[in-house]
Amino acid sequence: MLDKELRRGRRRRRVKKGVYLLPNLLTSASLFGGFYSIVASLDGKFEYAAAAILISAVLDGLDGRIARLTGTTSRFGMEYDSLSDVVAFGLAPGILIFTWALRPFGRYGWLAAFLYVVCGALRLARFNVQVTTIESRRFNGLPIPAAAAFVASTVLLFFYLGREETAKHIPILIIVYLLAFLMVSNVKYYSFKELNLTRRMPFMLLVGLICLLILIAAEPQVMLFLLTFGYIVSGPATMIFSRRRSASRSARDEDKPAEGKL
């Protein structure tokens, strides 16, 4: 009897040493998209490189959500996801930025691209450290997948407008510095982790999402750029609005005692 219990305990320990396949396969697919983007950038296929980054961003959003829905979250999955993100959303966009727009700046160009990569890696390291101490509704700093998606959608927009060879070097350089700053800043961004698609939602929300999908299908390059740009701007805009509202409340609280004395 004792031997049977010992065998069962050993089997349980063996099972715990395994990994969950589905979320880690999605993470591997996201990593593959980042690797392919690097290869495409080196070959001069910048549109393919940008599209691969966007596909990686979609897969990255799916692996975490599926892991939470199926109860297959693990420490291994979290570490693997972070390593994948460094490649797919740090290194791949950095190489795309340099080979497509920043090469004419020479050393200053690849240093700017490296600044984006290192700030993205720092953002991921800080997230892993703070994941149990900050609220899940907000990200502390711009998420690196959002920064990479904005880079990719900007590249696709330039090609769509026929401006891929002109008027891109200075704007992209400015964008790189802004994205790097936002990733390591304390600007709060909505995480969408509390968005539960299995619950009942208002009917008009479904209609709005369908209309949004139609717009994306009609003009994907323009809509993807607008969506990613809107998300990036939402962090600073929310912070400014919150500070103004708290300042107005403080001013009202200071005026109340004065009115009472009069």
Protein backbone atom coordinates (compact mmCIF):
# COMPACT_ATOMS: atom_id res chain seq x y z
CA MET A 1 0.00 0.00 0.00
CA LEU A 2 2.80 2.34 0.92
CA ASP A 3 4.61 1.49 -2.33
CA LYS A 4 1.51 2.41 -4.38
CA GLU A 5 1.23 5.80 -2.67
CA LEU A 6 4.91 6.48 -3.31
CA ARG A 7 4.47 5.61 -6.99
CA ARG A 8 1.46 7.94 -7.27
CA GLY A 9 3.45 10.74 -5.65
CA ARG A 10 6.27 10.20 -8.13
CA ARG A 11 3.83 10.29 -11.06
CA ARG A 12 2.35 13.57 -9.82
CA ARG A 13 5.81 15.07 -9.54
CA ARG A 14 6.59 13.96 -13.08
CA VAL A 15 3.40 15.56 -14.40
CA LYS A 16 4.22 18.86 -12.68
CA LYS A 17 7.59 18.94 -14.45
CA GLY A 18 5.87 19.08 -17.85
CA VAL A 19 4.75 22.17 -19.77
CA TYR A 20 1.39 23.23 -21.14
CA LEU A 21 1.38 22.77 -24.90
CA LEU A 22 -1.28 25.14 -26.25
CA PRO A 23 -0.15 28.50 -24.80
CA ASN A 24 3.53 27.68 -25.33
CA LEU A 25 2.89 26.69 -28.95
CA LEU A 26 1.26 30.08 -29.49
CA THR A 27 4.25 31.76 -27.84
CA SER A 28 6.55 29.78 -30.15
CA ALA A 29 4.52 30.94 -33.15
CA SER A 30 4.86 34.53 -31.94
CA LEU A 31 8.62 34.02 -31.61
CA PHE A 32 8.74 32.59 -35.12
CA GLY A 33 6.95 35.71 -36.42
CA GLY A 34 9.61 37.89 -34.82
CA PHE A 35 12.42 35.79 -36.29
CA TYR A 36 10.84 35.87 -39.73
CA SER A 37 10.49 39.65 -39.44
CA ILE A 38 14.23 39.95 -38.84
CA VAL A 39 15.00 37.80 -41.88
CA ALA A 40 12.55 39.78 -44.03
CA SER A 41 14.06 43.10 -42.89
CA LEU A 42 17.56 41.93 -43.82
CA ASP A 43 16.22 40.89 -47.24
CA GLY A 44 14.61 44.30 -47.77
CA LYS A 45 11.04 42.93 -47.57
CA PHE A 46 9.86 45.56 -45.13
CA GLU A 47 6.13 45.09 -45.65
CA TYR A 48 6.43 41.37 -44.86
CA ALA A 49 8.54 42.20 -41.81
CA ALA A 50 5.92 44.64 -40.51
CA ALA A 51 3.07 42.18 -41.14
CA ALA A 52 4.96 39.44 -39.26
CA ILE A 53 5.30 41.72 -36.21
CA LEU A 54 1.56 42.41 -36.23
CA ILE A 55 0.80 38.69 -36.46
CA SER A 56 3.16 38.08 -33.54
CA ALA A 57 1.29 40.73 -31.53
CA VAL A 58 -2.02 38.94 -32.14
CA LEU A 59 -0.53 35.58 -31.11
CA ASP A 60 1.05 37.16 -28.03
CA GLY A 61 -2.35 38.45 -26.93
CA LEU A 62 -3.92 35.05 -27.51
CA ASP A 63 -1.42 32.91 -25.60
CA GLY A 64 -1.86 34.75 -22.31
CA ARG A 65 -5.64 34.93 -22.58
CA ILE A 66 -5.96 31.26 -23.51
CA ALA A 67 -3.65 30.30 -20.64
CA ARG A 68 -5.86 32.21 -18.18
CA LEU A 69 -9.11 30.83 -19.61
CA THR A 70 -7.90 27.22 -19.57
CA GLY A 71 -6.06 27.48 -16.25
CA THR A 72 -2.71 26.63 -17.85
CA THR A 73 -0.67 29.57 -16.60
CA SER A 74 2.79 28.71 -15.32
CA ARG A 75 6.05 30.34 -14.34
CA PHE A 76 7.73 28.68 -17.33
CA GLY A 77 5.13 30.15 -19.68
CA MET A 78 5.61 33.64 -18.27
CA GLU A 79 9.40 33.50 -18.64
CA TYR A 80 9.18 32.01 -22.13
CA ASP A 81 6.68 34.69 -23.15
CA SER A 82 9.04 37.45 -21.97
CA LEU A 83 11.98 35.99 -23.90
CA SER A 84 9.79 35.70 -26.99
CA ASP A 85 8.66 39.32 -26.58
CA VAL A 86 12.26 40.56 -26.51
CA VAL A 87 12.80 39.05 -29.96
CA ALA A 88 9.39 39.63 -31.57
CA PHE A 89 8.70 43.13 -30.20
CA GLY A 90 12.15 44.40 -29.29
CA LEU A 91 14.82 43.08 -31.65
CA ALA A 92 12.61 42.59 -34.74
CA PRO A 93 11.16 46.15 -34.73
CA GLY A 94 14.60 47.55 -33.90
CA ILE A 95 16.15 45.91 -36.96
CA LEU A 96 13.15 46.89 -39.10
CA ILE A 97 13.47 50.51 -37.99
CA PHE A 98 17.20 50.64 -38.72
CA THR A 99 17.21 48.87 -42.08
CA TRP A 100 14.15 50.71 -43.36
CA ALA A 101 14.57 54.28 -42.11
CA LEU A 102 17.56 54.91 -39.84
CA ARG A 103 20.45 53.51 -41.88
CA PRO A 104 21.28 56.96 -43.42
CA PHE A 105 22.05 58.27 -39.91
CA GLY A 106 24.89 55.75 -39.60
CA ARG A 107 26.03 55.15 -36.04
CA TYR A 108 23.37 57.44 -34.61
CA GLY A 109 20.74 55.43 -36.47
CA TRP A 110 21.61 52.05 -35.04
CA LEU A 111 22.12 53.59 -31.59
CA ALA A 112 18.57 54.93 -31.76
CA ALA A 113 17.32 51.50 -32.79
CA PHE A 114 19.28 49.94 -29.91
CA LEU A 115 17.71 52.46 -27.51
CA TYR A 116 14.30 51.14 -28.55
CA VAL A 117 15.44 47.53 -27.99
CA VAL A 118 17.02 48.12 -24.59
CA CYS A 119 14.04 50.18 -23.33
CA GLY A 120 11.75 47.37 -24.43
CA ALA A 121 13.86 44.81 -22.55
CA LEU A 122 13.87 47.03 -19.45
CA ARG A 123 10.09 47.39 -19.74
CA LEU A 124 9.68 43.60 -19.77
CA ALA A 125 12.07 43.12 -16.84
CA ARG A 126 10.20 45.72 -14.78
CA PHE A 127 6.86 44.10 -15.66
CA ASN A 128 8.09 40.68 -14.47
CA VAL A 129 9.25 42.18 -11.17
CA GLN A 130 6.07 44.23 -10.58
CA VAL A 131 3.53 41.69 -11.89
CA THR A 132 2.39 40.73 -8.36
CA THR A 133 2.52 44.23 -6.87
CA ILE A 134 0.61 46.46 -9.32
CA GLU A 135 -3.04 46.36 -10.36
CA SER A 136 -3.85 44.18 -13.36
CA ARG A 137 -6.16 46.78 -14.95
CA ARG A 138 -3.24 49.08 -15.86
CA PHE A 139 0.19 48.64 -17.38
CA ASN A 140 3.01 50.71 -15.91
CA GLY A 141 4.53 52.15 -19.08
CA LEU A 142 3.73 51.45 -22.72
CA PRO A 143 3.57 47.67 -23.36
CA ILE A 144 6.26 46.54 -25.78
CA PRO A 145 3.77 44.71 -28.09
CA ALA A 146 1.86 47.99 -28.54
CA ALA A 147 5.09 49.85 -29.35
CA ALA A 148 6.07 47.19 -31.88
CA ALA A 149 2.58 47.20 -33.43
CA PHE A 150 2.80 50.97 -33.86
CA VAL A 151 6.19 50.65 -35.59
CA ALA A 152 4.83 47.96 -37.91
CA SER A 153 1.62 49.85 -38.71
CA THR A 154 3.65 53.01 -39.42
CA VAL A 155 5.78 51.11 -41.94
CA LEU A 156 2.69 49.70 -43.63
CA LEU A 157 1.08 53.15 -43.73
CA PHE A 158 4.15 54.66 -45.45
CA PHE A 159 4.03 51.93 -48.11
CA TYR A 160 0.27 52.39 -48.51
CA LEU A 161 0.69 56.15 -49.06
CA GLY A 162 3.59 55.60 -51.45
CA ARG A 163 6.03 57.47 -49.18
CA GLU A 164 8.31 54.57 -48.31
CA GLU A 165 11.35 56.27 -49.89
CA THR A 166 10.79 59.88 -48.80
CA ALA A 167 9.91 61.91 -45.71
CA LYS A 168 10.42 59.03 -43.31
CA HIS A 169 13.85 59.39 -41.70
CA ILE A 170 13.27 62.25 -39.25
CA PRO A 171 9.68 61.25 -38.27
CA ILE A 172 10.76 57.66 -37.57
CA LEU A 173 13.72 58.87 -35.50
CA ILE A 174 11.38 61.00 -33.37
CA ILE A 175 8.92 58.10 -33.04
CA VAL A 176 11.70 55.77 -31.85
CA TYR A 177 12.73 58.14 -29.06
CA LEU A 178 9.11 58.72 -27.98
CA LEU A 179 8.33 54.99 -27.87
CA ALA A 180 11.51 54.27 -25.90
CA PHE A 181 10.61 56.96 -23.36
CA LEU A 182 7.01 55.79 -22.99
CA MET A 183 8.04 52.16 -22.42
CA VAL A 184 10.24 53.01 -19.42
CA SER A 185 7.97 55.78 -18.11
CA ASN A 186 5.33 55.49 -15.38
CA VAL A 187 2.50 56.45 -17.73
CA LYS A 188 -0.44 54.09 -17.13
CA TYR A 189 -2.08 52.17 -19.99
CA TYR A 190 -5.24 50.10 -19.92
CA SER A 191 -4.38 46.39 -20.02
CA PHE A 192 -7.70 44.91 -21.30
CA LYS A 193 -7.10 41.94 -18.96
CA GLU A 194 -10.48 42.43 -17.29
CA LEU A 195 -12.29 42.36 -20.64
CA ASN A 196 -14.27 39.10 -20.40
CA LEU A 197 -15.65 38.06 -23.78
CA THR A 198 -17.63 35.18 -22.23
CA ARG A 199 -19.96 37.50 -20.29
CA ARG A 200 -23.11 39.14 -21.62
CA MET A 201 -22.41 42.56 -23.13
CA PRO A 202 -24.65 45.33 -24.52
CA PHE A 203 -25.95 44.63 -28.00
CA MET A 204 -24.60 47.90 -29.37
CA LEU A 205 -21.08 46.88 -28.32
CA LEU A 206 -21.33 43.91 -30.68
CA VAL A 207 -22.55 46.21 -33.48
CA GLY A 208 -19.68 48.61 -32.82
CA LEU A 209 -17.08 45.82 -32.91
CA ILE A 210 -18.51 44.48 -36.19
CA CYS A 211 -18.34 47.99 -37.72
CA LEU A 212 -14.74 48.29 -36.50
CA LEU A 213 -13.83 44.97 -38.14
CA ILE A 214 -15.42 46.14 -41.39
CA LEU A 215 -13.38 49.35 -41.31
CA ILE A 216 -10.18 47.40 -40.65
CA ALA A 217 -10.97 45.06 -43.55
CA ALA A 218 -11.67 48.04 -45.84
CA GLU A 219 -8.56 50.08 -44.98
CA PRO A 220 -6.26 47.85 -42.87
CA GLN A 221 -3.14 50.01 -43.11
CA VAL A 222 -4.92 53.23 -42.10
CA MET A 223 -7.09 51.67 -39.38
CA LEU A 224 -4.27 49.71 -37.76
CA PHE A 225 -2.17 52.86 -37.60
CA LEU A 226 -5.04 54.86 -36.09
CA LEU A 227 -5.83 52.16 -33.51
CA THR A 228 -2.23 51.78 -32.35
CA PHE A 229 -1.68 55.55 -32.37
CA GLY A 230 -4.87 56.05 -30.34
CA TYR A 231 -3.73 53.52 -27.74
CA ILE A 232 -0.30 55.15 -27.41
CA VAL A 233 -1.83 58.61 -26.99
CA SER A 234 -4.43 57.30 -24.50
CA GLY A 235 -1.82 56.90 -21.75
CA PRO A 236 -0.51 60.50 -21.64
CA ALA A 237 -4.02 61.88 -22.33
CA THR A 238 -5.51 59.94 -19.39
CA MET A 239 -2.66 61.03 -17.12
CA ILE A 240 -3.12 64.72 -18.03
CA PHE A 241 -6.90 64.48 -17.58
CA SER A 242 -6.52 62.78 -14.17
CA ARG A 243 -4.05 65.39 -12.94
CA ARG A 244 -6.29 68.26 -14.03
CA ARG A 245 -9.30 66.67 -12.37
CA SER A 246 -7.41 66.10 -9.10
CA ALA A 247 -6.09 69.69 -9.23
CA SER A 248 -9.62 71.07 -9.72
CA ARG A 249 -10.86 68.96 -6.80
CA SER A 250 -8.05 70.26 -4.60
CA ALA A 251 -8.92 73.83 -5.59
CA ARG A 252 -12.58 73.22 -4.72
CA ASP A 253 -11.63 71.72 -1.35
CA GLU A 254 -9.50 74.78 -0.57
CA ASP A 255 -12.33 77.16 -1.49
CA LYS A 256 -14.92 75.46 0.74
CA PRO A 257 -13.44 76.50 4.12
CA ALA A 258 -13.01 80.06 2.88
CA GLU A 259 -16.69 80.22 1.88
CA GLY A 260 -17.70 78.87 5.29
CA LYS A 261 -15.75 81.57 7.12
CA LEU A 262 -17.44 84.30 5.07
